[in-house]
Protein backbone atom coordinates (compact mmCIF):
# COMPACT_ATOMS: atom_id res chain seq x y z
CA MET A 1 0.00 0.00 0.00
CA PRO A 2 1.55 3.35 -0.99
CA THR A 3 2.11 5.92 1.71
CA PRO A 4 -0.14 9.00 1.74
CA GLY A 5 0.91 11.80 -0.57
CA LEU A 6 0.61 13.24 -4.05
CA TYR A 7 1.72 11.00 -6.92
CA LEU A 8 2.32 12.28 -10.46
CA VAL A 9 1.41 9.30 -12.65
CA ALA A 10 2.48 9.06 -16.31
CA THR A 11 -0.22 7.52 -18.50
CA PRO A 12 0.03 5.95 -21.98
CA ILE A 13 0.40 8.18 -25.04
CA GLY A 14 -1.16 5.60 -27.34
CA HIS A 15 -1.38 1.90 -26.49
CA ALA A 16 -3.13 1.35 -23.18
CA ARG A 17 -0.55 -1.29 -22.25
CA ASP A 18 2.24 1.32 -22.34
CA ILE A 19 1.87 1.97 -18.63
CA THR A 20 4.13 0.77 -15.86
CA LEU A 21 3.10 -1.86 -13.34
CA ARG A 22 3.95 0.60 -10.60
CA ALA A 23 1.50 3.13 -12.06
CA LEU A 24 -1.26 0.51 -12.20
CA ASP A 25 -0.62 -0.47 -8.57
CA LEU A 26 -0.83 3.18 -7.54
CA LEU A 27 -4.05 3.84 -9.46
CA ALA A 28 -5.60 0.71 -7.92
CA ALA A 29 -4.79 1.97 -4.43
CA ALA A 30 -5.48 5.70 -4.85
CA ASP A 31 -8.15 7.27 -2.68
CA LEU A 32 -8.54 10.12 -5.15
CA ILE A 33 -7.52 10.56 -8.81
CA ALA A 34 -7.28 14.08 -10.21
CA ALA A 35 -7.48 13.88 -14.01
CA GLU A 36 -7.46 16.36 -16.86
CA ASP A 37 -10.37 14.41 -18.38
CA THR A 38 -12.14 11.97 -16.06
CA ARG A 39 -13.52 10.01 -19.02
CA VAL A 40 -10.02 9.20 -20.23
CA VAL A 41 -8.86 7.86 -16.88
CA ALA A 42 -12.12 5.93 -16.41
CA ASN A 43 -11.50 4.19 -19.73
CA LEU A 44 -7.90 3.41 -18.72
CA LEU A 45 -9.05 1.89 -15.43
CA GLN A 46 -11.66 -0.21 -17.22
CA ILE A 47 -9.15 -1.52 -19.79
CA HIS A 48 -6.88 -2.75 -17.01
CA GLY A 49 -9.70 -4.23 -14.93
CA LEU A 50 -9.39 -1.74 -12.08
CA SER A 51 -12.44 -0.83 -10.06
CA ALA A 52 -13.75 2.72 -10.36
CA ARG A 53 -12.00 5.16 -8.07
CA ARG A 54 -13.12 8.53 -6.79
CA THR A 55 -12.10 10.84 -9.65
CA ILE A 56 -12.31 14.62 -10.03
CA PRO A 57 -11.42 16.85 -12.99
CA TYR A 58 -8.34 19.03 -12.65
CA HIS A 59 -7.31 21.35 -15.49
CA ASP A 60 -6.33 24.95 -16.25
CA HIS A 61 -9.87 26.27 -15.98
CA ASN A 62 -10.86 24.78 -12.61
CA GLY A 63 -7.50 24.40 -10.86
CA ALA A 64 -8.03 27.24 -8.38
CA ALA A 65 -11.33 25.70 -7.23
CA GLN A 66 -10.08 22.11 -7.13
CA ARG A 67 -6.74 22.57 -5.36
CA PRO A 68 -8.32 23.08 -1.90
CA LYS A 69 -10.23 19.78 -2.31
CA ILE A 70 -7.06 17.92 -3.23
CA LEU A 71 -5.10 19.50 -0.39
CA ALA A 72 -7.89 18.50 1.98
CA ALA A 73 -7.54 14.90 0.82
CA LEU A 74 -3.80 15.05 1.45
CA ALA A 75 -4.44 16.56 4.89
CA ALA A 76 -6.71 13.57 5.63
CA GLY A 77 -3.83 11.20 4.90
CA GLN A 78 -5.10 9.99 1.55
CA VAL A 79 -3.22 8.74 -1.52
CA VAL A 80 -3.85 11.18 -4.39
CA ALA A 81 -2.88 10.52 -8.02
CA LEU A 82 -2.55 13.31 -10.57
CA VAL A 83 -2.72 12.04 -14.16
CA SER A 84 -2.73 13.75 -17.56
CA ASP A 85 -4.75 12.75 -20.62
CA ALA A 86 -1.63 11.16 -22.10
CA GLY A 87 2.03 11.19 -21.16
CA THR A 88 3.74 12.80 -18.21
CA PRO A 89 1.86 15.24 -15.93
CA LEU A 90 3.12 18.85 -15.82
CA VAL A 91 4.78 18.65 -19.29
CA SER A 92 2.58 21.16 -21.17
CA ASP A 93 -0.19 20.04 -18.81
CA PRO A 94 -1.71 21.71 -15.75
CA GLY A 95 -0.40 20.65 -12.39
CA TYR A 96 2.67 22.60 -11.29
CA LYS A 97 0.57 24.94 -9.11
CA LEU A 98 -0.82 21.89 -7.32
CA VAL A 99 2.70 20.57 -6.78
CA GLN A 100 3.77 23.98 -5.44
CA ALA A 101 0.84 24.03 -3.03
CA ALA A 102 1.46 20.46 -1.84
CA VAL A 103 5.17 21.13 -1.28
CA ALA A 104 4.39 24.37 0.56
CA GLU A 105 2.09 22.44 2.92
CA GLY A 106 4.74 19.78 3.51
CA TYR A 107 3.00 16.85 1.80
CA PRO A 108 5.13 14.22 0.04
CA VAL A 109 5.20 14.47 -3.77
CA THR A 110 6.41 11.53 -5.87
CA ALA A 111 6.67 11.09 -9.65
CA LEU A 112 5.94 7.76 -11.32
CA PRO A 113 7.72 8.15 -14.69
CA GLY A 114 6.54 6.66 -17.95
CA ALA A 115 5.47 7.76 -21.41
CA SER A 116 6.67 11.16 -22.67
CA ALA A 117 5.99 12.49 -26.17
CA VAL A 118 8.94 14.87 -25.77
CA LEU A 119 11.50 12.11 -25.25
CA THR A 120 9.86 9.66 -27.65
CA GLY A 121 9.90 12.23 -30.44
CA LEU A 122 13.51 13.12 -29.70
CA GLN A 123 14.55 9.47 -29.85
CA LEU A 124 12.90 8.97 -33.25
CA SER A 125 14.09 12.24 -34.81
CA SER A 126 17.68 11.07 -35.53
CA LEU A 127 18.83 14.50 -34.30
CA PRO A 128 21.38 15.01 -31.49
CA THR A 129 20.02 13.92 -28.11
CA ASP A 130 22.88 14.96 -25.82
CA ARG A 131 21.41 18.45 -25.25
CA PHE A 132 17.87 19.55 -25.98
CA THR A 133 15.42 22.34 -25.13
CA PHE A 134 11.69 21.75 -24.80
CA ALA A 135 9.83 24.94 -25.78
CA GLY A 136 6.23 23.71 -25.52
CA PHE A 137 3.61 25.30 -27.78
CA LEU A 138 4.47 28.39 -29.82
CA ASP A 139 2.08 31.34 -29.91
CA GLN A 140 -0.88 31.12 -32.29
CA LYS A 141 -0.15 34.53 -33.83
CA GLU A 142 2.63 34.84 -36.41
CA THR A 143 4.33 37.95 -35.01
CA ALA A 144 4.52 36.57 -31.49
CA ARG A 145 5.52 33.15 -32.78
CA ARG A 146 8.42 34.58 -34.79
CA ARG A 147 9.51 36.62 -31.79
CA GLN A 148 9.62 33.46 -29.68
CA LEU A 149 11.63 31.69 -32.36
CA ALA A 150 14.07 34.61 -32.54
CA ASP A 151 14.68 34.18 -28.82
CA LEU A 152 15.53 30.52 -29.47
CA ALA A 153 17.65 31.06 -32.59
CA ALA A 154 21.01 30.95 -30.84
CA VAL A 155 20.19 28.20 -28.31
CA PRO A 156 22.89 25.57 -29.00
CA THR A 157 20.67 22.51 -28.57
CA THR A 158 18.08 20.44 -30.38
CA LEU A 159 14.70 22.19 -30.01
CA ILE A 160 11.43 20.36 -29.29
CA PHE A 161 7.95 21.83 -29.75
CA PHE A 162 4.36 20.72 -29.43
CA GLU A 163 2.15 22.07 -32.22
CA SER A 164 -1.45 21.98 -33.35
CA ALA A 165 -1.87 20.04 -36.59
CA ASN A 166 -3.82 22.95 -38.07
CA ARG A 167 -0.94 25.40 -37.49
CA LEU A 168 1.86 22.99 -38.41
CA ALA A 169 2.62 24.25 -41.93
CA GLU A 170 2.67 27.89 -40.82
CA SER A 171 4.88 27.16 -37.82
CA LEU A 172 7.35 25.13 -39.88
CA ALA A 173 7.59 27.96 -42.41
CA ASP A 174 8.25 30.47 -39.62
CA MET A 175 10.91 28.17 -38.16
CA ALA A 176 12.65 27.98 -41.53
CA ALA A 177 12.51 31.76 -41.91
CA VAL A 178 13.71 32.63 -38.42
CA LEU A 179 15.97 29.71 -37.46
CA GLY A 180 17.31 28.92 -40.93
CA ASP A 181 16.58 25.82 -42.96
CA ARG A 182 17.66 23.31 -40.33
CA PRO A 183 17.21 19.54 -40.30
CA ALA A 184 14.03 18.62 -38.46
CA ALA A 185 11.48 15.91 -37.82
CA VAL A 186 7.72 15.91 -37.43
CA ALA A 187 6.44 13.02 -35.32
CA ARG A 188 2.73 12.33 -34.99
CA GLU A 189 0.55 9.75 -33.25
CA LEU A 190 3.52 8.52 -31.23
CA THR A 191 3.23 4.90 -30.01
CA LYS A 192 -0.12 4.55 -31.80
CA LYS A 193 -1.14 2.42 -34.78
CA PHE A 194 -0.56 5.19 -37.34
CA GLU A 195 2.69 6.54 -35.88
CA GLU A 196 4.64 8.52 -38.47
CA VAL A 197 7.95 10.40 -38.44
CA ARG A 198 9.02 12.65 -41.32
CA ARG A 199 12.65 13.75 -41.32
CA GLU A 200 13.64 16.58 -43.67
CA ARG A 201 14.73 20.21 -43.78
CA LEU A 202 12.25 22.66 -42.29
CA SER A 203 11.40 24.17 -45.67
CA VAL A 204 10.65 20.75 -47.17
CA LEU A 205 8.44 19.78 -44.23
CA ALA A 206 6.61 23.13 -44.41
CA ALA A 207 5.95 22.63 -48.13
CA HIS A 208 4.73 19.06 -47.57
CA TYR A 209 2.10 20.02 -45.01
CA GLN A 210 1.13 23.13 -46.96
CA THR A 211 0.43 20.95 -49.99
CA ASN A 212 -1.08 17.92 -48.25
CA GLY A 213 -2.91 19.65 -45.44
CA PRO A 214 -2.64 19.15 -41.69
CA PRO A 215 -1.88 15.66 -40.42
CA ARG A 216 -4.12 13.81 -38.05
CA GLY A 217 -3.28 13.32 -34.41
CA GLU A 218 -0.92 14.83 -31.86
CA VAL A 219 2.25 16.43 -33.26
CA VAL A 220 5.78 16.88 -31.93
CA VAL A 221 8.31 18.95 -33.91
CA ILE A 222 12.03 18.39 -33.34
CA VAL A 223 14.52 20.87 -34.85
CA GLY A 224 18.30 20.58 -35.04
CA GLY A 225 20.47 23.15 -33.30
CA PRO A 226 22.19 26.03 -35.11
CA ASP A 227 25.20 25.40 -37.32
CA PRO A 228 27.95 27.48 -35.65
CA ALA A 229 29.46 28.32 -39.04
CA LEU A 230 26.17 29.49 -40.55
CA ALA A 231 24.11 30.79 -37.66
CA PRO A 232 25.35 34.41 -37.55
CA ALA A 233 24.85 34.90 -41.29
CA ILE A 234 21.47 33.16 -41.42
CA ASP A 235 19.90 34.21 -38.16
CA LEU A 236 20.68 37.92 -37.82
CA ASP A 237 18.38 39.30 -40.52
CA SER A 238 15.55 36.86 -39.82
CA ALA A 239 15.76 37.45 -36.08
CA LEU A 240 15.84 41.23 -36.53
CA THR A 241 12.95 41.18 -39.01
CA ALA A 242 10.84 39.21 -36.55
CA ALA A 243 11.78 41.50 -33.66
CA LEU A 244 11.23 44.71 -35.64
CA ALA A 245 7.69 43.62 -36.42
CA SER A 246 6.70 44.55 -32.88
CA LEU A 247 9.63 46.38 -31.28
CA SER A 248 11.56 49.61 -31.77
CA VAL A 249 15.02 49.48 -33.36
CA ARG A 250 16.64 49.85 -29.96
CA ASP A 251 14.54 47.16 -28.26
CA ALA A 252 14.89 44.79 -31.23
CA THR A 253 18.66 45.29 -31.09
CA ASP A 254 18.77 44.44 -27.40
CA ARG A 255 16.68 41.30 -27.88
CA VAL A 256 18.60 39.96 -30.88
CA ALA A 257 22.05 40.83 -29.51
CA ALA A 258 21.21 38.88 -26.35
CA ALA A 259 19.84 35.93 -28.35
CA THR A 260 22.70 35.68 -30.88
CA GLY A 261 25.66 36.80 -28.80
CA LEU A 262 26.70 39.17 -31.60
CA PRO A 263 28.17 42.62 -30.78
CA ARG A 264 25.39 45.12 -30.11
CA ARG A 265 26.98 47.70 -32.40
CA GLN A 266 26.85 45.24 -35.32
CA VAL A 267 23.25 44.27 -34.57
CA TYR A 268 22.15 47.90 -34.19
CA ALA A 269 23.71 48.91 -37.51
CA ARG A 270 21.93 46.07 -39.30
CA ALA A 271 18.64 46.87 -37.54
CA LEU A 272 18.86 50.45 -38.83
CA ASP A 273 19.43 49.16 -42.36
CA LEU A 274 16.43 46.85 -42.17
CA ALA A 275 14.23 49.53 -40.64
CA ARG A 276 15.13 51.82 -43.58
CA GLY A 277 14.37 49.02 -46.04
CA ASP A 278 18.01 48.36 -46.99
CA ASP A 279 18.31 44.60 -47.58
CA GLY A 280 22.07 44.81 -48.03
CA ASP A 281 22.04 43.65 -51.68
CA ALA A 282 22.46 47.07 -53.31
């Protein structure tokens, strides 16, 4: 029997059997299960022959109202499981505020690791895995999205994103424009029957999904890190163009100089050129 406390339980991404025995034991013993979607966890319990447990919804929209109930259960010495719809709780899922509250009150918090779309996509991408940065979902609006990408342009690691299938082609095109035409992979429906991984340059992937339409299922985008020999030449203009779309020359200079590590004087001079409409080819 597990000791009382809050347990963060990873659930399957695709196949229901992709769950650890430890996670099943915990769910069978839990006094309370907090789930992003109670229907999903009810189906998981049924598949594995577990009796129905007391389950409450916990997500971004009701977290403030539900946290006191969960903390009360912990105060009563109960075993509480927090599960996501699929994958690892707190990775682009609600939950960190609950963990903060539980830690602040002195309750034990334990993670039961398992499926993770971030790591599964990275493994299948064929891109370097020694250092990576998970950036979650990009903004829905192009200007903000390009600004976020400009901030990531000089990060010397493989980049990992979640993305909506409907925005995939646009986001890939923005990545190619701001980051340069890097090697990348689009992984969808990970661990499911129709799992697919496409590995190509960003521009090729953007063109594919522009032509063929959005793919079905959940999508993970993995992008190679910057080429040290090419990054300054490729990234400066694209990063400045993205920044200048919403910032003054001075603020855009500060942002891009910090992101690229280039001398501020050089960045400022180029920002002035771009602001005047000088593309440098005359």
